[in-house]
Every structure is written in structure tokens, then in C-alpha cells.
Amino acid sequence: MTHARRGDAQRLVDSFYSEDACLLPPNRDIVRGAASIVRMWKGVIAGGMKDLTLDTTEFDVHGDMAYGIGRFQMVVEPPGSRRTEQSGKYLVVYKKQPGGAWKAVADMFSPNS
């Protein structure tokens, strides 16, 4: 969330996603791989994302895989438009990486409206 709030798509992706992760945003095709995910988040940030808050309500670990389910709230202020707030839900699948870090291998989110 810190990197998203700072508008740093590269650090957001480097710290959260695996190199071969898939992002499944609403109303778009699957975004595959860290480099493509960076480009997608840069577009979201350029489109006016100002704040992002995540609230994980469920989390479970199964061996070297885990999942998290939760809600998000996002403030969006597109250039030349008024500020809006969006809320929705997400599901993230994590995999333990070599070296022990957990990174997202699949991330899916959708707005409530």
C-alpha cells in the first residue's frame, strides 16, 4: 500500500508480485509477468489513483502456497475530473519463493459497483 500511495509502481510490483505473476483486473485481459504488471499499475496511478487501503479478512497457508481474501478502498482523482472513492474485494494467491519470501502469483480484484 505504501508504494501504491507514493505512486511507485516498480517498487509495488518488486515487493509484492513474483516474476511470473498474473494479475486479473476487472474488465481487462489477464496481465502476465512482473514487467506487464508494472505497466498496468503505472497506468492506474497515472489515471489518478491517490490512495489504496487493503483489509485482509481471511488468510490461510497450505505448504508453500497461501491465499488472502479481503476488501479494498481506493481514492481516484483523474486529471481534470472530480475525486471518487471505489470499494471492492480481492483474492490473492501467494507462493513461497526461493529464499523464503512470500510473493503473489495471482491477484484478482473487482469493484463492488
N, C-alpha and C. Protein backbone atom coordinates (compact mmCIF):
# COMPACT_ATOMS: atom_id res chain seq x y z
N MET A 1 0.83 -1.19 0.00
CA MET A 1 0.00 0.00 0.00
C MET A 1 0.87 1.25 0.00
N THR A 2 1.99 1.19 0.71
CA THR A 2 2.88 2.36 0.78
C THR A 2 3.38 2.74 -0.61
N HIS A 3 3.83 1.76 -1.37
CA HIS A 3 4.35 2.04 -2.72
C HIS A 3 3.24 2.54 -3.64
N ALA A 4 2.03 2.01 -3.50
CA ALA A 4 0.90 2.49 -4.31
C ALA A 4 0.59 3.94 -3.97
N ARG A 5 0.56 4.27 -2.68
CA ARG A 5 0.27 5.65 -2.27
C ARG A 5 1.35 6.62 -2.74
N ARG A 6 2.57 6.16 -2.83
CA ARG A 6 3.67 7.01 -3.30
C ARG A 6 3.75 7.06 -4.82
N GLY A 7 2.94 6.27 -5.50
CA GLY A 7 2.94 6.27 -6.95
C GLY A 7 4.11 5.52 -7.55
N ASP A 8 4.69 4.59 -6.81
CA ASP A 8 5.88 3.86 -7.25
C ASP A 8 5.49 2.45 -7.69
N ALA A 9 5.06 2.33 -8.94
CA ALA A 9 4.59 1.05 -9.47
C ALA A 9 5.70 0.00 -9.47
N GLN A 10 6.91 0.40 -9.80
CA GLN A 10 8.01 -0.56 -9.85
C GLN A 10 8.26 -1.19 -8.49
N ARG A 11 8.34 -0.39 -7.45
CA ARG A 11 8.58 -0.93 -6.11
C ARG A 11 7.38 -1.73 -5.61
N LEU A 12 6.18 -1.30 -5.97
CA LEU A 12 4.98 -2.05 -5.61
C LEU A 12 5.09 -3.47 -6.16
N VAL A 13 5.40 -3.58 -7.44
CA VAL A 13 5.48 -4.90 -8.09
C VAL A 13 6.66 -5.70 -7.55
N ASP A 14 7.83 -5.07 -7.42
CA ASP A 14 9.01 -5.79 -6.93
C ASP A 14 8.80 -6.38 -5.54
N SER A 15 8.08 -5.67 -4.69
CA SER A 15 7.91 -6.12 -3.31
C SER A 15 6.76 -7.11 -3.14
N PHE A 16 5.80 -7.11 -4.06
CA PHE A 16 4.57 -7.88 -3.84
C PHE A 16 4.41 -9.08 -4.78
N TYR A 17 4.77 -8.92 -6.06
CA TYR A 17 4.49 -9.94 -7.07
C TYR A 17 5.73 -10.78 -7.41
N SER A 18 5.50 -12.06 -7.74
CA SER A 18 6.56 -12.90 -8.29
C SER A 18 6.81 -12.48 -9.74
N GLU A 19 7.93 -12.88 -10.28
CA GLU A 19 8.28 -12.53 -11.68
C GLU A 19 7.26 -13.06 -12.68
N ASP A 20 6.65 -14.21 -12.37
CA ASP A 20 5.71 -14.83 -13.31
C ASP A 20 4.25 -14.68 -12.87
N ALA A 21 3.98 -13.68 -12.04
CA ALA A 21 2.63 -13.48 -11.51
C ALA A 21 1.63 -13.14 -12.60
N CYS A 22 0.36 -13.38 -12.28
CA CYS A 22 -0.76 -13.00 -13.14
C CYS A 22 -1.66 -12.05 -12.35
N LEU A 23 -2.04 -10.96 -12.98
CA LEU A 23 -2.98 -10.01 -12.40
C LEU A 23 -4.26 -10.08 -13.21
N LEU A 24 -5.38 -10.19 -12.53
CA LEU A 24 -6.67 -10.32 -13.19
C LEU A 24 -7.54 -9.12 -12.81
N PRO A 25 -7.32 -7.96 -13.45
CA PRO A 25 -8.11 -6.78 -13.13
C PRO A 25 -9.50 -6.87 -13.76
N PRO A 26 -10.46 -6.11 -13.23
CA PRO A 26 -11.81 -6.15 -13.78
C PRO A 26 -11.86 -5.59 -15.20
N ASN A 27 -12.67 -6.21 -16.03
CA ASN A 27 -12.95 -5.73 -17.39
C ASN A 27 -11.71 -5.63 -18.28
N ARG A 28 -10.70 -6.44 -18.01
CA ARG A 28 -9.47 -6.45 -18.81
C ARG A 28 -8.97 -7.87 -18.95
N ASP A 29 -8.08 -8.07 -19.92
CA ASP A 29 -7.45 -9.37 -20.08
C ASP A 29 -6.49 -9.63 -18.92
N ILE A 30 -6.06 -10.86 -18.78
CA ILE A 30 -5.07 -11.22 -17.78
C ILE A 30 -3.76 -10.52 -18.10
N VAL A 31 -3.12 -9.97 -17.09
CA VAL A 31 -1.82 -9.31 -17.23
C VAL A 31 -0.80 -10.29 -16.69
N ARG A 32 0.13 -10.73 -17.55
CA ARG A 32 1.09 -11.77 -17.17
C ARG A 32 2.50 -11.23 -17.05
N GLY A 33 3.16 -11.54 -15.93
CA GLY A 33 4.55 -11.20 -15.73
C GLY A 33 4.74 -9.85 -15.07
N ALA A 34 5.82 -9.76 -14.29
CA ALA A 34 6.07 -8.56 -13.49
C ALA A 34 6.19 -7.30 -14.35
N ALA A 35 6.87 -7.37 -15.48
CA ALA A 35 7.05 -6.18 -16.32
C ALA A 35 5.70 -5.65 -16.82
N SER A 36 4.81 -6.55 -17.22
CA SER A 36 3.48 -6.13 -17.69
C SER A 36 2.64 -5.60 -16.54
N ILE A 37 2.81 -6.17 -15.36
CA ILE A 37 2.07 -5.70 -14.19
C ILE A 37 2.53 -4.30 -13.80
N VAL A 38 3.83 -4.03 -13.91
CA VAL A 38 4.34 -2.67 -13.66
C VAL A 38 3.64 -1.68 -14.59
N ARG A 39 3.57 -2.00 -15.88
CA ARG A 39 2.93 -1.10 -16.85
C ARG A 39 1.46 -0.87 -16.51
N MET A 40 0.76 -1.94 -16.08
CA MET A 40 -0.64 -1.79 -15.73
C MET A 40 -0.80 -0.86 -14.52
N TRP A 41 0.02 -1.06 -13.47
CA TRP A 41 -0.10 -0.21 -12.28
C TRP A 41 0.33 1.22 -12.57
N LYS A 42 1.30 1.42 -13.45
CA LYS A 42 1.67 2.79 -13.86
C LYS A 42 0.47 3.48 -14.48
N GLY A 43 -0.29 2.75 -15.30
CA GLY A 43 -1.49 3.31 -15.91
C GLY A 43 -2.55 3.66 -14.89
N VAL A 44 -2.74 2.81 -13.90
CA VAL A 44 -3.71 3.08 -12.83
C VAL A 44 -3.31 4.32 -12.06
N ILE A 45 -2.03 4.42 -11.73
CA ILE A 45 -1.53 5.57 -10.99
C ILE A 45 -1.67 6.85 -11.82
N ALA A 46 -1.30 6.78 -13.09
CA ALA A 46 -1.43 7.94 -13.98
C ALA A 46 -2.90 8.33 -14.17
N GLY A 47 -3.79 7.36 -14.04
CA GLY A 47 -5.22 7.62 -14.16
C GLY A 47 -5.83 8.27 -12.94
N GLY A 48 -5.01 8.48 -11.89
CA GLY A 48 -5.49 9.24 -10.76
C GLY A 48 -5.60 8.52 -9.43
N MET A 49 -5.10 7.29 -9.32
CA MET A 49 -5.17 6.61 -8.03
C MET A 49 -4.33 7.38 -7.01
N LYS A 50 -4.97 7.79 -5.92
CA LYS A 50 -4.31 8.59 -4.89
C LYS A 50 -4.08 7.83 -3.60
N ASP A 51 -4.92 6.86 -3.31
CA ASP A 51 -4.80 6.14 -2.06
C ASP A 51 -5.37 4.74 -2.25
N LEU A 52 -4.80 3.78 -1.54
CA LEU A 52 -5.26 2.40 -1.59
C LEU A 52 -5.15 1.82 -0.19
N THR A 53 -6.24 1.24 0.28
CA THR A 53 -6.26 0.59 1.58
C THR A 53 -6.77 -0.83 1.39
N LEU A 54 -6.04 -1.79 1.94
CA LEU A 54 -6.42 -3.20 1.87
C LEU A 54 -6.76 -3.69 3.27
N ASP A 55 -7.80 -4.51 3.37
CA ASP A 55 -8.22 -5.11 4.63
C ASP A 55 -8.38 -6.60 4.39
N THR A 56 -7.36 -7.38 4.74
CA THR A 56 -7.41 -8.82 4.56
C THR A 56 -8.27 -9.41 5.67
N THR A 57 -9.34 -10.12 5.28
CA THR A 57 -10.28 -10.67 6.25
C THR A 57 -10.09 -12.18 6.43
N GLU A 58 -9.48 -12.84 5.48
CA GLU A 58 -9.19 -14.27 5.56
C GLU A 58 -7.79 -14.52 5.03
N PHE A 59 -7.07 -15.40 5.68
CA PHE A 59 -5.74 -15.77 5.22
C PHE A 59 -5.46 -17.19 5.68
N ASP A 60 -4.95 -18.02 4.77
CA ASP A 60 -4.66 -19.40 5.12
C ASP A 60 -3.43 -19.86 4.35
N VAL A 61 -2.64 -20.71 4.98
CA VAL A 61 -1.41 -21.24 4.39
C VAL A 61 -1.55 -22.74 4.22
N HIS A 62 -1.12 -23.24 3.07
CA HIS A 62 -1.11 -24.67 2.77
C HIS A 62 0.24 -25.00 2.15
N GLY A 63 1.17 -25.45 2.95
CA GLY A 63 2.52 -25.77 2.45
C GLY A 63 3.21 -24.52 1.96
N ASP A 64 3.62 -24.53 0.68
CA ASP A 64 4.31 -23.36 0.12
C ASP A 64 3.36 -22.43 -0.64
N MET A 65 2.06 -22.63 -0.44
CA MET A 65 1.04 -21.77 -1.05
C MET A 65 0.16 -21.18 0.06
N ALA A 66 -0.38 -20.00 -0.21
CA ALA A 66 -1.28 -19.34 0.73
C ALA A 66 -2.25 -18.48 -0.07
N TYR A 67 -3.34 -18.09 0.59
CA TYR A 67 -4.26 -17.17 -0.07
C TYR A 67 -4.77 -16.16 0.94
N GLY A 68 -5.12 -14.99 0.42
CA GLY A 68 -5.72 -13.94 1.21
C GLY A 68 -6.96 -13.42 0.51
N ILE A 69 -8.01 -13.17 1.27
CA ILE A 69 -9.26 -12.61 0.76
C ILE A 69 -9.54 -11.35 1.57
N GLY A 70 -10.00 -10.32 0.89
CA GLY A 70 -10.29 -9.11 1.64
C GLY A 70 -11.04 -8.07 0.84
N ARG A 71 -11.04 -6.87 1.41
CA ARG A 71 -11.71 -5.72 0.80
C ARG A 71 -10.68 -4.63 0.53
N PHE A 72 -10.99 -3.81 -0.46
CA PHE A 72 -10.12 -2.66 -0.73
C PHE A 72 -10.95 -1.39 -0.82
N GLN A 73 -10.30 -0.28 -0.56
CA GLN A 73 -10.86 1.04 -0.82
C GLN A 73 -9.78 1.82 -1.55
N MET A 74 -10.20 2.55 -2.56
CA MET A 74 -9.27 3.30 -3.39
C MET A 74 -9.85 4.68 -3.68
N VAL A 75 -9.01 5.69 -3.56
CA VAL A 75 -9.40 7.05 -3.92
C VAL A 75 -8.80 7.32 -5.29
N VAL A 76 -9.65 7.79 -6.20
CA VAL A 76 -9.22 8.08 -7.56
C VAL A 76 -9.58 9.52 -7.89
N GLU A 77 -8.60 10.24 -8.39
CA GLU A 77 -8.80 11.63 -8.80
C GLU A 77 -8.16 11.82 -10.18
N PRO A 78 -8.90 11.44 -11.24
CA PRO A 78 -8.35 11.57 -12.59
C PRO A 78 -8.04 13.02 -12.91
N PRO A 79 -6.98 13.26 -13.68
CA PRO A 79 -6.66 14.64 -14.07
C PRO A 79 -7.88 15.31 -14.73
N GLY A 80 -8.27 16.46 -14.21
CA GLY A 80 -9.39 17.20 -14.77
C GLY A 80 -10.76 16.71 -14.36
N SER A 81 -10.83 15.72 -13.46
CA SER A 81 -12.12 15.18 -13.02
C SER A 81 -12.22 15.24 -11.50
N ARG A 82 -13.39 14.94 -11.02
CA ARG A 82 -13.59 15.00 -9.57
C ARG A 82 -13.13 13.71 -8.89
N ARG A 83 -12.84 13.84 -7.64
CA ARG A 83 -12.37 12.75 -6.79
C ARG A 83 -13.51 11.76 -6.52
N THR A 84 -13.23 10.47 -6.61
CA THR A 84 -14.20 9.43 -6.29
C THR A 84 -13.55 8.39 -5.40
N GLU A 85 -14.38 7.66 -4.71
CA GLU A 85 -13.90 6.55 -3.90
C GLU A 85 -14.50 5.27 -4.45
N GLN A 86 -13.66 4.24 -4.55
CA GLN A 86 -14.11 2.94 -5.03
C GLN A 86 -13.84 1.92 -3.94
N SER A 87 -14.73 0.96 -3.83
CA SER A 87 -14.50 -0.15 -2.91
C SER A 87 -14.78 -1.44 -3.64
N GLY A 88 -14.19 -2.52 -3.13
CA GLY A 88 -14.37 -3.80 -3.76
C GLY A 88 -13.74 -4.91 -2.95
N LYS A 89 -13.49 -6.03 -3.61
CA LYS A 89 -12.93 -7.19 -2.95
C LYS A 89 -11.77 -7.74 -3.77
N TYR A 90 -10.97 -8.58 -3.09
CA TYR A 90 -9.82 -9.17 -3.79
C TYR A 90 -9.53 -10.57 -3.27
N LEU A 91 -8.81 -11.31 -4.10
CA LEU A 91 -8.28 -12.62 -3.77
C LEU A 91 -6.84 -12.65 -4.28
N VAL A 92 -5.91 -12.97 -3.39
CA VAL A 92 -4.50 -13.07 -3.77
C VAL A 92 -4.00 -14.46 -3.40
N VAL A 93 -3.31 -15.09 -4.34
CA VAL A 93 -2.65 -16.38 -4.08
C VAL A 93 -1.16 -16.11 -3.99
N TYR A 94 -0.55 -16.58 -2.91
CA TYR A 94 0.88 -16.38 -2.67
C TYR A 94 1.62 -17.70 -2.78
N LYS A 95 2.89 -17.61 -3.16
CA LYS A 95 3.76 -18.79 -3.19
C LYS A 95 5.08 -18.42 -2.52
N LYS A 96 5.56 -19.34 -1.70
CA LYS A 96 6.84 -19.13 -1.04
C LYS A 96 7.94 -19.22 -2.10
N GLN A 97 8.77 -18.18 -2.15
CA GLN A 97 9.82 -18.08 -3.15
C GLN A 97 11.12 -18.69 -2.63
N PRO A 98 12.04 -19.02 -3.54
CA PRO A 98 13.36 -19.44 -3.08
C PRO A 98 13.93 -18.33 -2.18
N GLY A 99 14.47 -18.68 -1.06
CA GLY A 99 14.94 -17.69 -0.10
C GLY A 99 13.94 -17.40 0.99
N GLY A 100 12.69 -17.89 0.84
CA GLY A 100 11.71 -17.80 1.91
C GLY A 100 10.68 -16.68 1.83
N ALA A 101 10.82 -15.72 0.93
CA ALA A 101 9.83 -14.63 0.82
C ALA A 101 8.54 -15.16 0.21
N TRP A 102 7.42 -14.59 0.64
CA TRP A 102 6.11 -14.90 0.05
C TRP A 102 5.78 -13.82 -0.96
N LYS A 103 5.41 -14.22 -2.18
CA LYS A 103 5.03 -13.25 -3.21
C LYS A 103 3.74 -13.70 -3.89
N ALA A 104 3.00 -12.72 -4.37
CA ALA A 104 1.74 -13.01 -5.07
C ALA A 104 2.03 -13.62 -6.43
N VAL A 105 1.36 -14.72 -6.71
CA VAL A 105 1.46 -15.35 -8.03
C VAL A 105 0.17 -15.13 -8.83
N ALA A 106 -0.90 -14.80 -8.13
CA ALA A 106 -2.18 -14.47 -8.77
C ALA A 106 -2.90 -13.44 -7.91
N ASP A 107 -3.39 -12.39 -8.55
CA ASP A 107 -4.06 -11.30 -7.85
C ASP A 107 -5.29 -10.93 -8.66
N MET A 108 -6.45 -11.03 -8.03
CA MET A 108 -7.72 -10.73 -8.71
C MET A 108 -8.52 -9.77 -7.85
N PHE A 109 -9.07 -8.73 -8.45
CA PHE A 109 -9.87 -7.77 -7.70
C PHE A 109 -11.01 -7.27 -8.56
N SER A 110 -12.06 -6.82 -7.90
CA SER A 110 -13.19 -6.25 -8.63
C SER A 110 -13.92 -5.26 -7.74
N PRO A 111 -14.47 -4.20 -8.35
CA PRO A 111 -15.23 -3.21 -7.58
C PRO A 111 -16.58 -3.77 -7.17
N ASN A 112 -17.17 -3.17 -6.15
CA ASN A 112 -18.48 -3.57 -5.70
C ASN A 112 -19.60 -3.02 -6.56
N SER A 113 -19.32 -1.99 -7.35
CA SER A 113 -20.39 -1.43 -8.19
C SER A 113 -20.02 -1.49 -9.64
